[in-house]
Amino acid sequence: MQKTQHFIQSQKERFMAELFDLLRIPSISADPAFAGNVHACAAFVAERLKEAGADAVEICPTAGYPIVYGEKIIDPSLPTVLVYGHYDVQPAVPLELWTTPPFEPEIRNERIYARGSADDKGQFYMHLKAFEAMWASGELPCNLKFMIEGEEEVGSSNLSTFVKQEKTRLSADMVLISDTSMLANDTPSIDVGLRGLSYVEVEVTGPNRDLHSGVYGGAVANPINILARMIARMHDENGRIAIPGFYEKVLELSEADRKALNLAPFDVEEYKRDLGIDALQGEEGYTTFERTGTRPTLDVNGIWGGYIGEGAKTVLPSKAYAKISMRLVPNQNSEEITALFENYFKSIAPHSVKVEVRPHHGGEPVVTPSDSPEFKAASLAMKETFGKEPIPTRGGGSIPIVALFEKELGLKSVLMGFGLDIDALHSPNESYGVFNFYKGIETIPWFFHHYAKIK
């Protein structure tokens, strides 16, 4: 790996410049106004794959945004690694909360500030550059396939169809993903589990039009007031989700697993300082690590209705809305949980309003083995570059395609992410450490080196 590492060191400035070009493209998949930019981003990724040395590069159309595919097959008898990532990003609003414009990347305090810098452009681009370094240095020890999609931030609704149709092309020995975080720059970790997801939007309707709150207030149901009360009934006084049957299939951790999970270093005071809060809150009887990685949750992601413009308008609104996400743990099923939510939500609504629940997207929870050749290779790779073995952790987020890859391709995934909790994913001022970007590029070739030996 000496030639590869030398190549990486000699090309660091170019690698960063290319990442900046990628980050300048506002590839927001959730907003149709940015459709042209999403397609332009796919073309950018495809071109960089070709330049890096990939063969059979193709922008594969779907019913939504395209998937970029590329490969380098050096010897069919060698192990094949499928790298997954996504080039689409979250919306950047509210823009006024950004210190610098979200699509004009800037380095401050050794961090790259831009939408998508950590999620997931900065992370998937590490793999592209690591591949380039290995190929240019003549030290690529495995076959490599890339699948970079453009709809992860809106539920990967067309990825399943693509994977089912392209099983032969996507055949591999494992999937390597960098779309997660580690504990700290001096405490590497690898996620061995992810929560699933059920995401819904609710609509509460009262009168057939907005009303004057003075003329009708007190006599007609206010959908915003009612929605707020209904949301308050989603949890009990102990922080548990109040939906009947919600916990019926939850897989409880053994005491040994709980103890192992909580061995990871954690400074609760620093955690609170970083978030600007005075106290933590959550399901009673569980630690922060358990609450964020091994327990299900229900959160309101957005709520609106009535008049929200400047000044005053005394209106009793006709409708109120909310977006709600539920993170799921092993044995829970996203479709079952969505149905339980809908039944409960409608059951607690008063007769003075009508309620509609619209499912958006979901995904299943996964747990990956920590004793597999793939995990061992990732652990050895991190030990090479960080000087210590990574800690197995449970990720609180959701990557629904991990379960999809296992179901349709029969492949286990390794979640070797290089982000940090301070990256502000999905928030204003998202950033990614310069250290993390380069450390990822340096570590990934070591994964291939060890995997080729172990496999």
Protein backbone atom coordinates (compact mmCIF):
# COMPACT_ATOMS: atom_id res chain seq x y z
CA MET A 1 0.00 0.00 0.00
CA GLN A 2 3.06 2.30 0.06
CA LYS A 3 2.61 3.49 -3.53
CA THR A 4 -1.08 4.10 -2.95
CA GLN A 5 -0.48 6.15 0.19
CA HIS A 6 2.23 8.19 -1.57
CA PHE A 7 -0.18 8.89 -4.45
CA ILE A 8 -2.85 10.06 -1.98
CA GLN A 9 -0.44 12.45 -0.25
CA SER A 10 0.67 13.90 -3.58
CA GLN A 11 -2.90 14.53 -4.79
CA LYS A 12 -4.58 15.89 -1.66
CA GLU A 13 -5.09 19.42 -2.99
CA ARG A 14 -6.65 18.12 -6.21
CA PHE A 15 -8.91 15.75 -4.30
CA MET A 16 -10.22 18.64 -2.19
CA ALA A 17 -10.72 20.87 -5.23
CA GLU A 18 -12.79 18.15 -6.92
CA LEU A 19 -14.88 17.69 -3.79
CA PHE A 20 -15.58 21.43 -3.78
CA ASP A 21 -16.80 21.21 -7.39
CA LEU A 22 -19.11 18.35 -6.39
CA LEU A 23 -20.44 20.29 -3.38
CA ARG A 24 -21.26 23.31 -5.55
CA ILE A 25 -23.97 21.34 -7.36
CA PRO A 26 -27.32 21.79 -5.50
CA SER A 27 -28.52 18.22 -6.06
CA ILE A 28 -31.62 18.49 -3.85
CA SER A 29 -33.77 15.49 -4.71
CA ALA A 30 -36.76 16.56 -2.58
CA ASP A 31 -37.43 19.76 -4.54
CA PRO A 32 -38.45 19.43 -8.23
CA ALA A 33 -37.03 22.92 -8.84
CA PHE A 34 -33.56 21.39 -8.58
CA ALA A 35 -34.17 18.46 -10.95
CA GLY A 36 -31.69 19.78 -13.51
CA ASN A 37 -29.02 20.07 -10.84
CA VAL A 38 -29.59 16.49 -9.68
CA HIS A 39 -29.07 15.20 -13.22
CA ALA A 40 -26.00 17.42 -13.60
CA CYS A 41 -24.59 15.92 -10.42
CA ALA A 42 -25.06 12.41 -11.78
CA ALA A 43 -23.14 13.40 -14.90
CA PHE A 44 -20.37 14.88 -12.73
CA VAL A 45 -20.01 11.67 -10.73
CA ALA A 46 -19.96 9.54 -13.88
CA GLU A 47 -17.22 11.66 -15.40
CA ARG A 48 -15.08 11.49 -12.27
CA LEU A 49 -15.50 7.68 -12.20
CA LYS A 50 -14.23 7.45 -15.77
CA GLU A 51 -11.28 9.68 -14.99
CA ALA A 52 -10.41 7.55 -11.95
CA GLY A 53 -10.16 4.46 -14.14
CA ALA A 54 -13.56 2.79 -13.85
CA ASP A 55 -14.96 0.77 -16.74
CA ALA A 56 -18.54 0.29 -17.93
CA VAL A 57 -19.53 3.65 -16.42
CA GLU A 58 -23.20 4.31 -17.02
CA ILE A 59 -25.84 6.79 -15.90
CA CYS A 60 -28.71 4.36 -15.42
CA PRO A 61 -32.18 5.94 -15.71
CA THR A 62 -34.93 5.11 -13.24
CA ALA A 63 -38.49 6.33 -12.80
CA GLY A 64 -36.92 9.12 -10.73
CA TYR A 65 -33.30 10.24 -10.63
CA PRO A 66 -30.55 8.14 -12.21
CA ILE A 67 -28.12 5.73 -10.59
CA VAL A 68 -24.45 6.04 -11.54
CA TYR A 69 -22.72 2.70 -12.06
CA GLY A 70 -19.08 1.89 -12.72
CA GLU A 71 -16.73 -1.05 -12.18
CA LYS A 72 -13.17 -2.31 -12.37
CA ILE A 73 -12.91 -6.09 -12.70
CA ILE A 74 -9.24 -7.05 -12.56
CA ASP A 75 -9.68 -10.81 -11.98
CA PRO A 76 -13.02 -12.64 -11.61
CA SER A 77 -11.42 -15.02 -9.12
CA LEU A 78 -10.73 -12.19 -6.67
CA PRO A 79 -13.27 -10.82 -4.15
CA THR A 80 -15.63 -8.15 -5.44
CA VAL A 81 -16.65 -5.16 -3.32
CA LEU A 82 -19.77 -3.14 -4.16
CA VAL A 83 -19.49 0.47 -2.97
CA TYR A 84 -22.78 2.29 -2.34
CA GLY A 85 -23.28 6.03 -1.85
CA HIS A 86 -25.66 8.82 -2.79
CA TYR A 87 -25.09 12.10 -4.59
CA ASP A 88 -28.38 13.77 -3.64
CA VAL A 89 -28.59 16.08 -0.63
CA GLN A 90 -31.14 17.47 1.79
CA PRO A 91 -32.79 20.87 1.18
CA ALA A 92 -30.69 23.73 2.57
CA VAL A 93 -33.51 25.83 4.02
CA PRO A 94 -33.63 27.93 6.12
CA LEU A 95 -30.88 29.68 4.17
CA GLU A 96 -30.62 32.57 6.62
CA LEU A 97 -29.20 30.24 9.28
CA TRP A 98 -26.13 29.38 7.21
CA THR A 99 -22.96 31.31 8.01
CA THR A 100 -21.87 30.92 4.39
CA PRO A 101 -24.04 29.87 1.40
CA PRO A 102 -24.75 26.11 1.48
CA PHE A 103 -23.49 25.48 -2.04
CA GLU A 104 -20.39 27.64 -1.83
CA PRO A 105 -18.07 25.33 0.13
CA GLU A 106 -15.63 26.90 2.54
CA ILE A 107 -13.07 25.55 4.99
CA ARG A 108 -13.23 27.05 8.48
CA ASN A 109 -11.56 25.62 11.55
CA GLU A 110 -10.40 22.61 9.53
CA ARG A 111 -13.96 21.75 8.52
CA ILE A 112 -15.61 21.80 5.09
CA TYR A 113 -18.89 23.73 5.32
CA ALA A 114 -21.44 22.91 2.62
CA ARG A 115 -24.68 21.01 2.18
CA GLY A 116 -23.80 17.38 1.47
CA SER A 117 -20.22 17.69 2.73
CA ALA A 118 -20.75 14.84 5.22
CA ASP A 119 -24.01 13.36 3.93
CA ASP A 120 -22.96 11.87 1.62
CA LYS A 121 -20.81 13.59 -1.00
CA GLY A 122 -17.70 13.93 1.13
CA GLN A 123 -17.99 10.32 2.22
CA PHE A 124 -18.74 8.55 -1.07
CA TYR A 125 -16.12 10.66 -2.84
CA MET A 126 -13.48 9.21 -0.50
CA HIS A 127 -14.13 5.82 -2.11
CA LEU A 128 -13.79 7.20 -5.61
CA LYS A 129 -10.45 8.80 -4.77
CA ALA A 130 -9.21 5.74 -2.87
CA PHE A 131 -10.00 3.64 -5.95
CA GLU A 132 -8.17 6.10 -8.18
CA ALA A 133 -5.12 5.94 -5.92
CA MET A 134 -5.07 2.12 -5.84
CA TRP A 135 -5.56 1.81 -9.60
CA ALA A 136 -3.00 4.47 -10.51
CA SER A 137 -0.46 2.84 -8.17
CA GLY A 138 -1.03 -0.69 -9.40
CA GLU A 139 -2.18 -1.81 -5.96
CA LEU A 140 -5.87 -2.60 -6.43
CA PRO A 141 -6.24 -6.04 -4.79
CA CYS A 142 -9.98 -6.66 -5.36
CA ASN A 143 -12.63 -6.12 -7.99
CA LEU A 144 -14.68 -3.00 -7.39
CA LYS A 145 -18.17 -1.88 -8.35
CA PHE A 146 -19.77 1.51 -7.68
CA MET A 147 -23.49 2.23 -7.33
CA ILE A 148 -24.15 5.89 -6.49
CA GLU A 149 -27.83 6.86 -6.36
CA GLY A 150 -29.71 10.16 -6.42
CA GLU A 151 -32.77 9.48 -4.26
CA GLU A 152 -31.51 8.43 -0.83
CA GLU A 153 -32.78 11.60 0.82
CA VAL A 154 -36.30 10.91 -0.49
CA GLY A 155 -36.48 7.24 0.40
CA SER A 156 -34.61 5.46 -2.45
CA SER A 157 -37.99 4.60 -3.96
CA ASN A 158 -36.54 3.43 -7.30
CA LEU A 159 -33.41 1.72 -6.03
CA SER A 160 -35.26 -1.50 -5.18
CA THR A 161 -36.45 -1.90 -8.77
CA PHE A 162 -32.94 -1.28 -10.07
CA VAL A 163 -31.36 -3.78 -7.67
CA LYS A 164 -33.91 -6.47 -8.54
CA GLN A 165 -33.40 -5.93 -12.27
CA GLU A 166 -29.60 -5.77 -12.09
CA LYS A 167 -28.73 -8.65 -9.77
CA THR A 168 -26.13 -10.04 -12.19
CA ARG A 169 -24.41 -6.72 -12.72
CA LEU A 170 -24.42 -6.01 -8.97
CA SER A 171 -23.16 -9.44 -7.93
CA ALA A 172 -20.41 -9.08 -5.33
CA ASP A 173 -19.09 -10.52 -2.09
CA MET A 174 -20.10 -7.61 0.16
CA VAL A 175 -21.22 -3.97 0.22
CA LEU A 176 -19.05 -1.16 1.58
CA ILE A 177 -20.83 2.03 2.71
CA SER A 178 -19.58 5.29 4.19
CA ASP A 179 -22.73 7.16 5.19
CA THR A 180 -22.39 6.90 8.96
CA SER A 181 -20.33 8.39 11.76
CA MET A 182 -17.70 7.32 14.27
CA LEU A 183 -17.33 8.25 17.92
CA ALA A 184 -14.43 10.70 17.61
CA ASN A 185 -11.30 11.36 15.58
CA ASP A 186 -9.25 9.67 18.30
CA THR A 187 -11.86 6.93 18.91
CA PRO A 188 -12.72 5.14 15.67
CA SER A 189 -15.87 3.03 15.54
CA ILE A 190 -17.88 0.97 13.06
CA ASP A 191 -21.67 0.74 13.10
CA VAL A 192 -22.95 -2.82 13.36
CA GLY A 193 -26.62 -1.87 13.39
CA LEU A 194 -29.02 0.71 12.01
CA ARG A 195 -32.56 1.60 12.92
CA GLY A 196 -35.39 1.27 10.45
CA LEU A 197 -37.81 4.04 9.51
CA SER A 198 -41.50 4.77 9.11
CA TYR A 199 -42.20 8.28 7.81
CA VAL A 200 -45.69 9.74 7.53
CA GLU A 201 -47.45 13.03 6.96
CA VAL A 202 -50.69 13.78 8.78
CA GLU A 203 -53.46 16.23 7.87
CA VAL A 204 -56.13 17.41 10.30
CA THR A 205 -59.11 19.25 8.78
CA GLY A 206 -61.74 21.27 10.66
CA PRO A 207 -64.04 23.76 8.88
CA ASN A 208 -64.16 23.83 5.09
CA ARG A 209 -62.30 27.17 4.94
CA ASP A 210 -60.19 29.45 7.11
CA LEU A 211 -62.42 31.42 9.52
CA HIS A 212 -62.29 34.68 11.46
CA SER A 213 -61.05 33.66 14.90
CA GLY A 214 -63.17 36.29 16.61
CA VAL A 215 -66.43 35.36 14.89
CA TYR A 216 -65.97 31.57 15.10
CA GLY A 217 -63.36 31.03 17.82
CA GLY A 218 -64.69 29.00 20.73
CA ALA A 219 -67.43 27.40 18.66
CA VAL A 220 -65.50 25.61 15.90
CA ALA A 221 -62.60 23.18 16.26
CA ASN A 222 -59.14 24.62 15.61
CA PRO A 223 -57.13 21.92 13.75
CA ILE A 224 -53.79 23.27 15.02
CA ASN A 225 -54.90 23.06 18.64
CA ILE A 226 -56.22 19.56 18.10
CA LEU A 227 -53.14 18.39 16.23
CA ALA A 228 -50.94 19.64 19.06
CA ARG A 229 -52.99 17.67 21.61
CA MET A 230 -52.88 14.55 19.44
CA ILE A 231 -49.11 14.79 19.09
CA ALA A 232 -48.80 15.20 22.86
CA ARG A 233 -50.57 11.85 23.24
CA MET A 234 -47.89 10.04 21.22
CA HIS A 235 -45.74 9.58 24.35
CA ASP A 236 -46.51 8.74 27.97
CA GLU A 237 -44.98 10.42 31.03
CA ASN A 238 -41.99 8.02 30.91
CA GLY A 239 -41.04 8.85 27.35
CA ARG A 240 -42.45 5.64 25.90
CA ILE A 241 -44.42 5.72 22.68
CA ALA A 242 -48.10 5.32 23.53
CA ILE A 243 -49.25 3.58 20.35
CA PRO A 244 -50.81 0.22 21.29
CA GLY A 245 -48.69 -2.70 20.09
CA PHE A 246 -45.73 -0.47 19.17
CA TYR A 247 -43.24 -2.38 21.36
CA GLU A 248 -44.72 -5.84 20.84
CA LYS A 249 -41.91 -7.09 18.55
CA VAL A 250 -39.03 -4.95 19.84
CA LEU A 251 -35.92 -7.07 20.36
CA GLU A 252 -34.55 -6.25 23.80
CA LEU A 253 -30.78 -6.25 24.26
CA SER A 254 -29.28 -8.67 26.75
CA GLU A 255 -27.59 -7.20 29.81
CA ALA A 256 -24.24 -8.25 28.35
CA ASP A 257 -24.96 -6.40 25.09
CA ARG A 258 -26.12 -3.32 26.97
CA LYS A 259 -22.96 -3.34 29.03
CA ALA A 260 -20.76 -3.69 25.93
CA LEU A 261 -22.60 -0.89 24.13
CA ASN A 262 -22.06 1.51 27.02
CA LEU A 263 -18.32 0.86 27.25
CA ALA A 264 -17.78 3.44 24.52
CA PRO A 265 -16.45 6.75 25.87
CA PHE A 266 -19.15 9.36 26.40
CA ASP A 267 -19.01 12.77 28.08
CA VAL A 268 -22.59 13.77 28.87
CA GLU A 269 -21.63 17.35 29.79
CA GLU A 270 -19.78 17.86 26.50
CA TYR A 271 -22.76 16.32 24.69
CA LYS A 272 -25.10 18.87 26.25
CA ARG A 273 -22.71 21.77 25.66
CA ASP A 274 -22.39 20.89 21.99
CA LEU A 275 -26.19 20.91 21.60
CA GLY A 276 -26.78 23.98 23.77
CA ILE A 277 -29.17 22.16 26.11
CA ASP A 278 -29.36 21.92 29.89
CA ALA A 279 -30.72 18.39 30.22
CA LEU A 280 -31.27 15.19 28.27
CA GLN A 281 -34.65 13.59 27.72
CA GLY A 282 -35.86 10.23 26.50
CA GLU A 283 -37.29 6.86 27.35
CA GLU A 284 -36.88 6.22 31.05
CA GLY A 285 -34.47 3.47 32.08
CA TYR A 286 -32.10 3.71 29.11
CA THR A 287 -28.77 5.46 28.49
CA THR A 288 -28.13 7.95 25.72
CA PHE A 289 -26.35 5.31 23.63
CA GLU A 290 -29.29 2.95 24.04
CA ARG A 291 -31.87 5.62 23.28
CA THR A 292 -30.14 6.71 20.09
CA GLY A 293 -29.11 3.31 18.76
CA THR A 294 -31.21 0.47 20.15
CA ARG A 295 -34.61 1.92 21.11
CA PRO A 296 -37.44 3.00 18.79
CA THR A 297 -38.45 6.66 18.63
CA LEU A 298 -41.22 8.90 17.36
CA ASP A 299 -40.47 12.52 16.45
CA VAL A 300 -42.31 15.38 14.79
CA ASN A 301 -40.09 16.65 11.96
CA GLY A 302 -42.27 19.56 10.94
CA ILE A 303 -45.61 21.14 11.83
CA TRP A 304 -47.55 23.90 10.13
CA GLY A 305 -50.94 25.45 9.45
CA GLY A 306 -52.80 28.76 9.55
CA TYR A 307 -51.04 32.08 9.10
CA ILE A 308 -47.25 32.15 9.50
CA GLY A 309 -46.39 35.34 7.60
CA GLU A 310 -45.24 38.68 8.95
CA GLY A 311 -47.52 40.58 11.28
CA ALA A 312 -50.88 39.34 12.55
CA LYS A 313 -53.85 37.68 10.93
CA THR A 314 -56.57 36.48 13.28
CA VAL A 315 -57.48 33.29 11.47
CA LEU A 316 -58.94 30.01 12.64
CA PRO A 317 -57.33 27.63 10.12
CA SER A 318 -59.09 24.99 8.11
CA LYS A 319 -56.15 22.59 8.18
CA ALA A 320 -53.05 21.64 10.14
CA TYR A 321 -50.23 19.36 9.09
CA ALA A 322 -47.25 17.51 10.54
CA LYS A 323 -44.48 15.26 9.29
CA ILE A 324 -43.60 12.45 11.70
CA SER A 325 -40.78 9.91 11.64
CA MET A 326 -40.47 6.73 13.67
CA ARG A 327 -37.08 5.02 14.03
CA LEU A 328 -37.41 1.27 14.37
CA VAL A 329 -35.28 -1.47 15.90
CA PRO A 330 -34.77 -5.17 15.08
CA ASN A 331 -37.95 -7.24 14.68
CA GLN A 332 -40.11 -4.17 14.00
CA ASN A 333 -41.53 -3.86 10.50
CA SER A 334 -42.05 -0.47 8.87
CA GLU A 335 -45.39 -1.33 7.24
CA GLU A 336 -46.77 -2.78 10.46
CA ILE A 337 -45.67 0.25 12.47
CA THR A 338 -47.16 2.63 9.91
CA ALA A 339 -50.51 0.82 10.21
CA LEU A 340 -50.36 0.90 14.02
CA PHE A 341 -49.64 4.64 13.92
CA GLU A 342 -52.50 5.36 11.54
CA ASN A 343 -55.03 3.39 13.58
CA TYR A 344 -54.00 5.06 16.84
CA PHE A 345 -53.76 8.55 15.40
CA LYS A 346 -57.25 8.35 13.93
CA SER A 347 -58.66 6.79 17.10
CA ILE A 348 -57.64 9.75 19.28
CA ALA A 349 -59.07 12.39 16.95
CA PRO A 350 -62.28 14.13 18.12
CA HIS A 351 -65.36 14.03 15.89
CA SER A 352 -64.97 17.74 15.19
CA VAL A 353 -62.12 17.08 12.71
CA LYS A 354 -61.21 14.74 9.87
CA VAL A 355 -57.80 13.04 9.81
CA GLU A 356 -55.72 11.71 6.96
CA VAL A 357 -52.42 9.83 7.30
CA ARG A 358 -50.17 9.64 4.23
CA PRO A 359 -47.21 7.23 4.39
CA HIS A 360 -44.09 8.55 2.70
CA HIS A 361 -41.34 5.97 2.87
CA GLY A 362 -39.84 3.43 5.21
CA GLY A 363 -37.04 0.97 5.74
CA GLU A 364 -36.20 -2.00 7.88
CA PRO A 365 -33.73 -2.13 10.79
CA VAL A 366 -30.56 -4.18 10.36
CA VAL A 367 -27.82 -5.69 12.50
CA THR A 368 -24.58 -6.72 10.81
CA PRO A 369 -22.17 -9.33 12.20
CA SER A 370 -18.99 -8.15 13.91
CA ASP A 371 -17.17 -11.45 13.40
CA SER A 372 -17.34 -11.58 9.60
CA PRO A 373 -14.31 -11.30 7.26
CA GLU A 374 -15.72 -7.97 6.06
CA PHE A 375 -15.90 -6.47 9.54
CA LYS A 376 -12.47 -7.82 10.43
CA ALA A 377 -10.99 -6.19 7.32
CA ALA A 378 -12.60 -2.85 8.21
CA SER A 379 -11.35 -3.14 11.79
CA LEU A 380 -7.79 -3.88 10.65
CA ALA A 381 -7.92 -1.00 8.16
CA MET A 382 -8.90 1.49 10.85
CA LYS A 383 -6.23 0.15 13.15
CA GLU A 384 -3.66 0.83 10.41
CA THR A 385 -4.56 4.52 10.09
CA PHE A 386 -5.94 5.42 13.55
CA GLY A 387 -3.51 3.31 15.56
CA LYS A 388 -6.27 1.59 17.54
CA GLU A 389 -9.06 -0.89 16.95
CA PRO A 390 -12.52 0.57 16.25
CA ILE A 391 -15.39 0.08 18.69
CA PRO A 392 -18.55 -1.67 17.39
CA THR A 393 -21.51 0.72 17.80
CA ARG A 394 -25.20 0.94 16.87
CA GLY A 395 -26.17 3.79 14.56
CA GLY A 396 -29.32 5.76 15.28
CA GLY A 397 -30.01 6.68 11.67
CA SER A 398 -31.57 4.66 8.88
CA ILE A 399 -30.11 3.41 5.59
CA PRO A 400 -33.01 1.33 4.25
CA ILE A 401 -30.98 -0.07 1.37
CA VAL A 402 -28.81 -2.13 3.75
CA ALA A 403 -31.75 -4.47 4.34
CA LEU A 404 -32.53 -4.35 0.63
CA PHE A 405 -29.01 -5.49 -0.31
CA GLU A 406 -29.26 -8.42 2.09
CA LYS A 407 -32.71 -9.46 0.89
CA GLU A 408 -32.21 -9.09 -2.87
CA LEU A 409 -28.46 -9.63 -3.35
CA GLY A 410 -27.70 -11.80 -0.32
CA LEU A 411 -24.93 -9.39 0.68
CA LYS A 412 -23.87 -8.13 4.08
CA SER A 413 -22.78 -4.51 4.40
CA VAL A 414 -19.92 -2.87 6.28
CA LEU A 415 -20.81 0.61 7.56
CA MET A 416 -17.37 2.22 7.67
CA GLY A 417 -18.30 5.88 8.12
CA PHE A 418 -15.94 8.74 8.95
CA GLY A 419 -18.42 11.43 10.03
CA LEU A 420 -18.86 12.89 13.50
CA ASP A 421 -21.89 13.93 15.54
CA ILE A 422 -20.87 17.59 15.08
CA ASP A 423 -21.33 17.37 11.30
CA ALA A 424 -24.87 18.85 11.57
CA LEU A 425 -26.43 16.46 9.09
CA HIS A 426 -29.71 17.75 7.60
CA SER A 427 -29.16 21.07 9.46
CA PRO A 428 -27.84 24.50 8.53
CA ASN A 429 -24.02 24.73 8.52
CA GLU A 430 -23.47 21.07 7.73
CA SER A 431 -19.74 20.35 7.71
CA TYR A 432 -17.21 17.57 7.32
CA GLY A 433 -13.75 17.50 8.82
CA VAL A 434 -10.76 17.92 6.53
CA PHE A 435 -9.08 15.29 8.72
CA ASN A 436 -12.00 12.90 8.18
CA PHE A 437 -12.06 13.33 4.41
CA TYR A 438 -8.38 12.55 4.04
CA LYS A 439 -8.39 9.85 6.72
CA GLY A 440 -11.16 8.05 4.86
CA ILE A 441 -9.20 8.10 1.59
CA GLU A 442 -6.15 6.74 3.42
CA THR A 443 -8.10 4.02 5.27
CA ILE A 444 -10.22 2.58 2.44
CA PRO A 445 -7.27 1.09 0.51
CA TRP A 446 -6.21 -0.72 3.68
CA PHE A 447 -9.69 -2.27 3.81
CA PHE A 448 -9.19 -3.71 0.32
CA HIS A 449 -5.71 -4.88 1.23
CA HIS A 450 -6.88 -6.81 4.30
CA TYR A 451 -10.12 -8.04 2.73
CA ALA A 452 -8.23 -9.60 -0.17
CA LYS A 453 -6.08 -11.51 2.32
CA ILE A 454 -8.88 -12.59 4.68
CA LYS A 455 -11.47 -13.46 2.04
